[in-house]
C-alpha atoms as a PDB file:
ATOM      1  CA  MET A   1       3.590 -13.950   3.475  1.00  0.00           C
ATOM      2  CA  GLU A   2      -0.016 -15.117   2.788  1.00  0.00           C
ATOM      3  CA  PRO A   3      -1.796 -13.161  -0.034  1.00  0.00           C
ATOM      4  CA  THR A   4      -2.901  -9.898   1.738  1.00  0.00           C
ATOM      5  CA  LEU A   5      -4.648  -6.700   0.946  1.00  0.00           C
ATOM      6  CA  PHE A   6      -3.343  -3.790   2.845  1.00  0.00           C
ATOM      7  CA  TYR A   7      -5.922  -0.952   2.787  1.00  0.00           C
ATOM      8  CA  LEU A   8      -7.610   1.827   4.642  1.00  0.00           C
ATOM      9  CA  LYS A   9     -11.380   1.124   5.142  1.00  0.00           C
ATOM     10  CA  THR A  10     -12.137   4.651   4.906  1.00  0.00           C
ATOM     11  CA  CYS A  11     -10.442   5.311   1.559  1.00  0.00           C
ATOM     12  CA  ASP A  12     -12.881   5.441  -1.301  1.00  0.00           C
ATOM     13  CA  THR A  13     -10.177   4.379  -3.714  1.00  0.00           C
ATOM     14  CA  CYS A  14      -9.233   1.446  -1.552  1.00  0.00           C
ATOM     15  CA  LYS A  15     -13.038   0.423  -1.434  1.00  0.00           C
ATOM     16  CA  ARG A  16     -13.367   0.706  -5.274  1.00  0.00           C
ATOM     17  CA  LEU A  17     -10.309  -1.495  -5.823  1.00  0.00           C
ATOM     18  CA  LYS A  18     -11.174  -3.994  -3.008  1.00  0.00           C
ATOM     19  CA  ALA A  19     -14.493  -4.303  -4.659  1.00  0.00           C
ATOM     20  CA  MET A  20     -12.899  -5.477  -7.919  1.00  0.00           C
ATOM     21  CA  LEU A  21     -11.213  -8.395  -6.198  1.00  0.00           C
ATOM     22  CA  PRO A  22     -13.387 -11.414  -6.890  1.00  0.00           C
ATOM     23  CA  SER A  23     -14.426 -13.557  -3.789  1.00  0.00           C
ATOM     24  CA  SER A  24     -12.699 -16.433  -5.269  1.00  0.00           C
ATOM     25  CA  VAL A  25      -9.401 -14.703  -4.683  1.00  0.00           C
ATOM     26  CA  LYS A  26      -8.329 -15.917  -1.310  1.00  0.00           C
ATOM     27  CA  ARG A  27      -6.532 -13.292   0.763  1.00  0.00           C
ATOM     28  CA  GLN A  28      -6.195 -11.720   4.202  1.00  0.00           C
ATOM     29  CA  GLU A  29      -7.308  -8.135   4.364  1.00  0.00           C
ATOM     30  CA  GLN A  30      -5.818  -5.726   6.726  1.00  0.00           C
ATOM     31  CA  ASP A  31      -7.058  -2.267   7.549  1.00  0.00           C
ATOM     32  CA  ILE A  32      -3.789  -0.539   8.258  1.00  0.00           C
ATOM     33  CA  LYS A  33      -5.363   1.979  10.693  1.00  0.00           C
ATOM     34  CA  SER A  34      -6.884  -0.552  13.071  1.00  0.00           C
ATOM     35  CA  GLU A  35      -4.032  -3.193  12.508  1.00  0.00           C
ATOM     36  CA  PRO A  36      -0.869  -1.270  11.648  1.00  0.00           C
ATOM     37  CA  ILE A  37       1.605  -2.806   9.401  1.00  0.00           C
ATOM     38  CA  THR A  38       4.391  -4.832  11.247  1.00  0.00           C
ATOM     39  CA  PRO A  39       7.916  -4.266  10.650  1.00  0.00           C
ATOM     40  CA  GLN A  40       8.188  -7.749   9.381  1.00  0.00           C
ATOM     41  CA  GLN A  41       5.398  -7.260   6.892  1.00  0.00           C
ATOM     42  CA  LEU A  42       6.941  -3.937   5.647  1.00  0.00           C
ATOM     43  CA  ASP A  43      10.316  -5.477   5.307  1.00  0.00           C
ATOM     44  CA  PHE A  44       8.754  -8.279   3.282  1.00  0.00           C
ATOM     45  CA  LEU A  45       6.832  -5.814   1.029  1.00  0.00           C
ATOM     46  CA  LYS A  46      10.032  -3.725   0.526  1.00  0.00           C
ATOM     47  CA  GLU A  47      11.825  -7.027  -0.788  1.00  0.00           C
ATOM     48  CA  LYS A  48       9.223  -7.402  -3.237  1.00  0.00           C
ATOM     49  CA  ALA A  49       8.749  -3.606  -4.158  1.00  0.00           C
ATOM     50  CA  GLY A  50      12.653  -3.028  -4.259  1.00  0.00           C
ATOM     51  CA  SER A  51      12.524  -0.135  -1.827  1.00  0.00           C
ATOM     52  CA  TYR A  52      10.672   1.455   0.995  1.00  0.00           C
ATOM     53  CA  GLU A  53      10.211   4.641  -1.087  1.00  0.00           C
ATOM     54  CA  ALA A  54       8.103   2.562  -3.530  1.00  0.00           C
ATOM     55  CA  LEU A  55       5.714   1.950  -0.754  1.00  0.00           C
ATOM     56  CA  PHE A  56       5.718   5.458   0.600  1.00  0.00           C
ATOM     57  CA  SER A  57       2.875   7.940  -0.122  1.00  0.00           C
ATOM     58  CA  ARG A  58       3.739  11.486  -0.776  1.00  0.00           C
ATOM     59  CA  LYS A  59       0.105  12.375  -0.901  1.00  0.00           C
ATOM     60  CA  ALA A  60      -0.324  11.961   2.783  1.00  0.00           C
ATOM     61  CA  ASN A  61      -1.281  15.045   4.577  1.00  0.00           C
ATOM     62  CA  LEU A  62       1.326  14.535   7.131  1.00  0.00           C
ATOM     63  CA  TYR A  63       4.032  14.666   4.483  1.00  0.00           C
ATOM     64  CA  LYS A  64       3.026  18.192   3.760  1.00  0.00           C
ATOM     65  CA  GLU A  65       2.418  19.223   7.314  1.00  0.00           C
ATOM     66  CA  ARG A  66       5.814  18.096   8.475  1.00  0.00           C
ATOM     67  CA  GLY A  67       7.615  19.675   5.533  1.00  0.00           C
ATOM     68  CA  LEU A  68       8.966  16.446   4.431  1.00  0.00           C
ATOM     69  CA  ALA A  69       9.137  17.525   0.787  1.00  0.00           C
ATOM     70  CA  HIS A  70      11.890  19.768   1.759  1.00  0.00           C
ATOM     71  CA  GLU A  71      14.116  17.053   3.216  1.00  0.00           C
ATOM     72  CA  THR A  72      16.244  14.431   1.652  1.00  0.00           C
ATOM     73  CA  LEU A  73      14.763  11.211   2.998  1.00  0.00           C
ATOM     74  CA  GLN A  74      16.780   7.916   2.925  1.00  0.00           C
ATOM     75  CA  GLU A  75      15.519   4.393   2.934  1.00  0.00           C
ATOM     76  CA  ALA A  76      15.633   4.250   6.710  1.00  0.00           C
ATOM     77  CA  ASP A  77      13.483   7.386   6.955  1.00  0.00           C
ATOM     78  CA  TYR A  78      10.763   6.002   4.571  1.00  0.00           C
ATOM     79  CA  ARG A  79      10.652   2.731   6.752  1.00  0.00           C
ATOM     80  CA  GLN A  80      10.434   4.590   9.927  1.00  0.00           C
ATOM     81  CA  LEU A  81       7.641   6.934   8.780  1.00  0.00           C
ATOM     82  CA  ILE A  82       5.570   4.095   7.434  1.00  0.00           C
ATOM     83  CA  LEU A  83       5.825   2.241  10.623  1.00  0.00           C
ATOM     84  CA  GLU A  84       5.123   5.448  12.595  1.00  0.00           C
ATOM     85  CA  HIS A  85       1.750   6.281  10.881  1.00  0.00           C
ATOM     86  CA  TYR A  86      -0.297   4.286   8.538  1.00  0.00           C
ATOM     87  CA  THR A  87      -1.011   7.124   6.235  1.00  0.00           C
ATOM     88  CA  PHE A  88       2.610   7.087   4.899  1.00  0.00           C
ATOM     89  CA  LEU A  89       1.911   3.678   3.416  1.00  0.00           C
ATOM     90  CA  LYS A  90       0.843   4.031  -0.328  1.00  0.00           C
ATOM     91  CA  ARG A  91      -2.501   2.207  -0.569  1.00  0.00           C
ATOM     92  CA  PRO A  92      -3.921  -0.206  -1.429  1.00  0.00           C
ATOM     93  CA  VAL A  93      -1.135  -2.742  -1.438  1.00  0.00           C
ATOM     94  CA  LEU A  94      -2.149  -6.178  -2.650  1.00  0.00           C
ATOM     95  CA  TYR A  95       0.454  -9.001  -2.481  1.00  0.00           C
ATOM     96  CA  LEU A  96      -0.851 -11.908  -4.557  1.00  0.00           C
ATOM     97  CA  ASP A  97       0.782 -14.700  -6.411  1.00  0.00           C
ATOM     98  CA  ASP A  98       4.245 -13.285  -5.553  1.00  0.00           C
ATOM     99  CA  THR A  99       3.276  -9.933  -7.077  1.00  0.00           C
ATOM    100  CA  LEU A 100       2.737  -6.494  -5.589  1.00  0.00           C
ATOM    101  CA  LEU A 101       0.165  -3.958  -6.802  1.00  0.00           C
ATOM    102  CA  ILE A 102       0.816  -0.749  -4.945  1.00  0.00           C
ATOM    103  CA  GLY A 103      -1.139   2.400  -4.891  1.00  0.00           C
ATOM    104  CA  SER A 104      -3.822   3.758  -7.091  1.00  0.00           C
ATOM    105  CA  ASP A 105      -2.191   5.727  -9.792  1.00  0.00           C
ATOM    106  CA  PRO A 106      -3.495   5.101 -13.403  1.00  0.00           C
ATOM    107  CA  SER A 107      -0.938   2.467 -14.402  1.00  0.00           C
ATOM    108  CA  VAL A 108      -1.791   0.456 -11.250  1.00  0.00           C
ATOM    109  CA  LYS A 109      -5.461   0.793 -11.871  1.00  0.00           C
ATOM    110  CA  LYS A 110      -5.030  -0.536 -15.353  1.00  0.00           C
ATOM    111  CA  LYS A 111      -3.038  -3.502 -13.917  1.00  0.00           C
ATOM    112  CA  TRP A 112      -6.048  -4.098 -11.488  1.00  0.00           C
ATOM    113  CA  LEU A 113      -8.481  -4.039 -14.456  1.00  0.00           C
ATOM    114  CA  GLU A 114      -6.267  -6.358 -16.416  1.00  0.00           C
ATOM    115  CA  ARG A 115      -5.976  -8.800 -13.481  1.00  0.00           C
ATOM    116  CA  PHE A 116      -9.473  -8.585 -12.229  1.00  0.00           C
ATOM    117  CA  PRO A 117     -11.836  -7.529 -15.088  1.00  0.00           C
ATOM    118  CA  HIS A 118     -14.789  -5.669 -13.874  1.00  0.00           C
ATOM    119  CA  ASP A 119     -18.129  -4.796 -15.513  1.00  0.00           C
END
């Protein structure tokens, strides 16, 4: 897979982290709402992340609305949900130099800052 940033163009956090990427970093950009992630892309990311669960967002409104917190989800469930609706993909996801940066929690933001220092 080519270096790729999977993001949601309406997400403020995605916008901030995307802005930190220097223009010299060659990558494709994929707005997951207008261009949904493909099964092949998701399977590739799972291999790099170690699980579909690592790519799954529990912050999604649909997660709460569907009562998924009260269910025992398996890897196949995480995969199906991510493919079903873009909101279940933790974002942003940056694949670059055989490395993944997934989501926006503080430890990931720290990795972005270390990788792409920003004034």
